[in-house]
Amino acid sequence: QVQLVESGGGLVQAGGSLRLSCAASGRTFSSYSMGWFRQGPGKEREFVAANGWSGGITYYADSVKGRFTISRDNAKNTVYLQMNSLKPEDTAVYYCAAGPTWPNEYWGQGTQVTVSS
């Protein structure tokens, strides 16, 4: 059974940093694209960041470029999201996802990130 489990969320002040982790199990994701999405209060789920199976190609939403960094450790079947210079508008539930060409096939349960002003 495939599982994606996020961790690292929490409460942080504006300007602070958090590092999210997503541990995958049930199959090897080294050949899969993995990424992060988020859903803020009263908003639709939106794309945040993704990378290809090798991690060499990365994509970011304009709203997080220069502040967030996605990375992965294929040996650990884990993807990370380093979030710096956090803003109150980054408050959301953050979801990890994975897929063969785009991260949209498997989803985690989400981890809450709250940024206070």
C-alpha atoms as a PDB file:
ATOM      1  CA  GLN A   1       0.000   0.000   0.000  1.00  0.00           C
ATOM      2  CA  VAL A   2       1.444   3.337  -1.053  1.00  0.00           C
ATOM      3  CA  GLN A   3       1.681   5.950   1.668  1.00  0.00           C
ATOM      4  CA  LEU A   4       2.974   9.502   1.752  1.00  0.00           C
ATOM      5  CA  VAL A   5       3.395  10.909   5.255  1.00  0.00           C
ATOM      6  CA  GLU A   6       4.151  14.574   5.791  1.00  0.00           C
ATOM      7  CA  SER A   7       5.802  16.041   8.861  1.00  0.00           C
ATOM      8  CA  GLY A   8       7.414  19.279   9.977  1.00  0.00           C
ATOM      9  CA  GLY A   9       4.434  21.599   9.994  1.00  0.00           C
ATOM     10  CA  GLY A  10       3.692  23.933  12.868  1.00  0.00           C
ATOM     11  CA  LEU A  11       3.293  27.502  14.024  1.00  0.00           C
ATOM     12  CA  VAL A  12       5.939  30.054  13.091  1.00  0.00           C
ATOM     13  CA  GLN A  13       6.204  33.824  13.085  1.00  0.00           C
ATOM     14  CA  ALA A  14       6.354  35.778   9.874  1.00  0.00           C
ATOM     15  CA  GLY A  15       9.887  35.800   8.520  1.00  0.00           C
ATOM     16  CA  GLY A  16      10.650  32.433  10.046  1.00  0.00           C
ATOM     17  CA  SER A  17      11.440  29.088   8.455  1.00  0.00           C
ATOM     18  CA  LEU A  18      10.108  25.558   8.448  1.00  0.00           C
ATOM     19  CA  ARG A  19      11.204  22.376   6.731  1.00  0.00           C
ATOM     20  CA  LEU A  20       8.571  19.915   5.654  1.00  0.00           C
ATOM     21  CA  SER A  21       9.361  16.274   4.993  1.00  0.00           C
ATOM     22  CA  CYS A  22       7.402  13.653   3.116  1.00  0.00           C
ATOM     23  CA  ALA A  23       8.308  10.030   3.606  1.00  0.00           C
ATOM     24  CA  ALA A  24       7.027   7.678   0.927  1.00  0.00           C
ATOM     25  CA  SER A  25       6.496   3.963   1.342  1.00  0.00           C
ATOM     26  CA  GLY A  26       4.910   1.106  -0.531  1.00  0.00           C
ATOM     27  CA  ARG A  27       6.940   1.536  -3.695  1.00  0.00           C
ATOM     28  CA  THR A  28      10.113   3.195  -4.899  1.00  0.00           C
ATOM     29  CA  PHE A  29       9.529   6.775  -5.989  1.00  0.00           C
ATOM     30  CA  SER A  30      12.959   7.412  -7.449  1.00  0.00           C
ATOM     31  CA  SER A  31      11.459   7.409 -10.956  1.00  0.00           C
ATOM     32  CA  TYR A  32       8.462   9.527  -9.979  1.00  0.00           C
ATOM     33  CA  SER A  33       7.898  13.247  -9.913  1.00  0.00           C
ATOM     34  CA  MET A  34       7.216  14.465  -6.382  1.00  0.00           C
ATOM     35  CA  GLY A  35       5.882  17.742  -5.184  1.00  0.00           C
ATOM     36  CA  TRP A  36       3.968  19.902  -2.754  1.00  0.00           C
ATOM     37  CA  PHE A  37       0.577  21.536  -2.883  1.00  0.00           C
ATOM     38  CA  ARG A  38      -1.268  23.615  -0.304  1.00  0.00           C
ATOM     39  CA  GLN A  39      -4.780  24.615   0.603  1.00  0.00           C
ATOM     40  CA  GLY A  40      -5.336  27.782   2.588  1.00  0.00           C
ATOM     41  CA  PRO A  41      -8.475  28.650   4.577  1.00  0.00           C
ATOM     42  CA  GLY A  42     -11.370  29.101   2.183  1.00  0.00           C
ATOM     43  CA  LYS A  43      -9.154  28.531  -0.832  1.00  0.00           C
ATOM     44  CA  GLU A  44      -8.723  25.841  -3.436  1.00  0.00           C
ATOM     45  CA  ARG A  45      -5.715  23.561  -3.378  1.00  0.00           C
ATOM     46  CA  GLU A  46      -2.825  25.101  -5.280  1.00  0.00           C
ATOM     47  CA  PHE A  47       0.522  23.991  -6.613  1.00  0.00           C
ATOM     48  CA  VAL A  48       3.612  24.978  -4.629  1.00  0.00           C
ATOM     49  CA  ALA A  49       6.651  23.102  -5.961  1.00  0.00           C
ATOM     50  CA  ALA A  50       7.651  19.935  -7.776  1.00  0.00           C
ATOM     51  CA  ASN A  51      10.671  18.157  -9.118  1.00  0.00           C
ATOM     52  CA  GLY A  52      11.335  15.427 -11.595  1.00  0.00           C
ATOM     53  CA  TRP A  53      12.487  11.956 -10.731  1.00  0.00           C
ATOM     54  CA  SER A  54      16.125  12.920 -10.727  1.00  0.00           C
ATOM     55  CA  GLY A  55      15.479  16.104  -8.807  1.00  0.00           C
ATOM     56  CA  GLY A  56      17.334  18.029 -11.479  1.00  0.00           C
ATOM     57  CA  ILE A  57      14.291  19.842 -12.844  1.00  0.00           C
ATOM     58  CA  THR A  58      12.267  21.900 -10.395  1.00  0.00           C
ATOM     59  CA  TYR A  59       9.117  23.953 -10.684  1.00  0.00           C
ATOM     60  CA  TYR A  60       7.801  26.592  -8.315  1.00  0.00           C
ATOM     61  CA  ALA A  61       4.702  28.689  -8.004  1.00  0.00           C
ATOM     62  CA  ASP A  62       5.471  32.353  -8.505  1.00  0.00           C
ATOM     63  CA  SER A  63       4.290  33.094  -4.976  1.00  0.00           C
ATOM     64  CA  VAL A  64       7.074  30.986  -3.414  1.00  0.00           C
ATOM     65  CA  LYS A  65       9.973  31.441  -5.841  1.00  0.00           C
ATOM     66  CA  GLY A  66      13.112  32.546  -4.065  1.00  0.00           C
ATOM     67  CA  ARG A  67      11.715  31.565  -0.650  1.00  0.00           C
ATOM     68  CA  PHE A  68      10.936  27.835  -0.906  1.00  0.00           C
ATOM     69  CA  THR A  69      13.239  25.052  -2.041  1.00  0.00           C
ATOM     70  CA  ILE A  70      12.200  21.521  -2.924  1.00  0.00           C
ATOM     71  CA  SER A  71      14.684  18.684  -2.684  1.00  0.00           C
ATOM     72  CA  ARG A  72      14.633  14.926  -2.479  1.00  0.00           C
ATOM     73  CA  ASP A  73      16.643  12.015  -1.187  1.00  0.00           C
ATOM     74  CA  ASN A  74      15.819   9.016  -3.341  1.00  0.00           C
ATOM     75  CA  ALA A  75      17.775   6.690  -1.084  1.00  0.00           C
ATOM     76  CA  LYS A  76      15.357   7.608   1.709  1.00  0.00           C
ATOM     77  CA  ASN A  77      12.286   7.858  -0.528  1.00  0.00           C
ATOM     78  CA  THR A  78      11.781  11.319   0.941  1.00  0.00           C
ATOM     79  CA  VAL A  79      11.060  14.763  -0.454  1.00  0.00           C
ATOM     80  CA  TYR A  80      11.565  18.001   1.446  1.00  0.00           C
ATOM     81  CA  LEU A  81      10.275  21.546   1.264  1.00  0.00           C
ATOM     82  CA  GLN A  82      12.456  24.189   2.883  1.00  0.00           C
ATOM     83  CA  MET A  83      10.355  27.274   3.505  1.00  0.00           C
ATOM     84  CA  ASN A  84      12.088  30.538   4.354  1.00  0.00           C
ATOM     85  CA  SER A  85      10.843  34.093   4.829  1.00  0.00           C
ATOM     86  CA  LEU A  86       7.387  32.776   5.606  1.00  0.00           C
ATOM     87  CA  LYS A  87       4.417  35.084   5.267  1.00  0.00           C
ATOM     88  CA  PRO A  88       0.953  34.904   6.850  1.00  0.00           C
ATOM     89  CA  GLU A  89      -0.449  34.138   3.393  1.00  0.00           C
ATOM     90  CA  ASP A  90       1.598  30.921   3.391  1.00  0.00           C
ATOM     91  CA  THR A  91      -0.719  29.583   6.088  1.00  0.00           C
ATOM     92  CA  ALA A  92      -2.261  26.395   4.721  1.00  0.00           C
ATOM     93  CA  VAL A  93      -2.391  22.646   4.905  1.00  0.00           C
ATOM     94  CA  TYR A  94       0.553  21.400   2.868  1.00  0.00           C
ATOM     95  CA  TYR A  95       0.192  18.169   0.928  1.00  0.00           C
ATOM     96  CA  CYS A  96       2.872  15.945  -0.517  1.00  0.00           C
ATOM     97  CA  ALA A  97       2.103  14.252  -3.821  1.00  0.00           C
ATOM     98  CA  ALA A  98       3.749  11.916  -6.312  1.00  0.00           C
ATOM     99  CA  GLY A  99       3.126  10.681  -9.823  1.00  0.00           C
ATOM    100  CA  PRO A 100       4.928   9.131 -12.782  1.00  0.00           C
ATOM    101  CA  THR A 101       5.167  12.380 -14.766  1.00  0.00           C
ATOM    102  CA  TRP A 102       3.544  14.951 -12.463  1.00  0.00           C
ATOM    103  CA  PRO A 103       2.747  14.684  -8.741  1.00  0.00           C
ATOM    104  CA  ASN A 104      -0.969  13.967  -8.940  1.00  0.00           C
ATOM    105  CA  GLU A 105      -1.423  10.236  -8.419  1.00  0.00           C
ATOM    106  CA  TYR A 106      -0.617   9.678  -4.746  1.00  0.00           C
ATOM    107  CA  TRP A 107      -1.374  12.129  -1.946  1.00  0.00           C
ATOM    108  CA  GLY A 108      -0.473  12.490   1.692  1.00  0.00           C
ATOM    109  CA  GLN A 109      -2.863  13.525   4.452  1.00  0.00           C
ATOM    110  CA  GLY A 110      -1.343  16.969   4.847  1.00  0.00           C
ATOM    111  CA  THR A 111       0.444  18.946   7.535  1.00  0.00           C
ATOM    112  CA  GLN A 112      -0.696  22.294   8.899  1.00  0.00           C
ATOM    113  CA  VAL A 113       1.540  25.326   8.558  1.00  0.00           C
ATOM    114  CA  THR A 114       0.453  28.469  10.365  1.00  0.00           C
ATOM    115  CA  VAL A 115       2.358  31.736   9.999  1.00  0.00           C
ATOM    116  CA  SER A 116       1.514  34.436  12.519  1.00  0.00           C
ATOM    117  CA  SER A 117       1.981  38.124  11.781  1.00  0.00           C
END
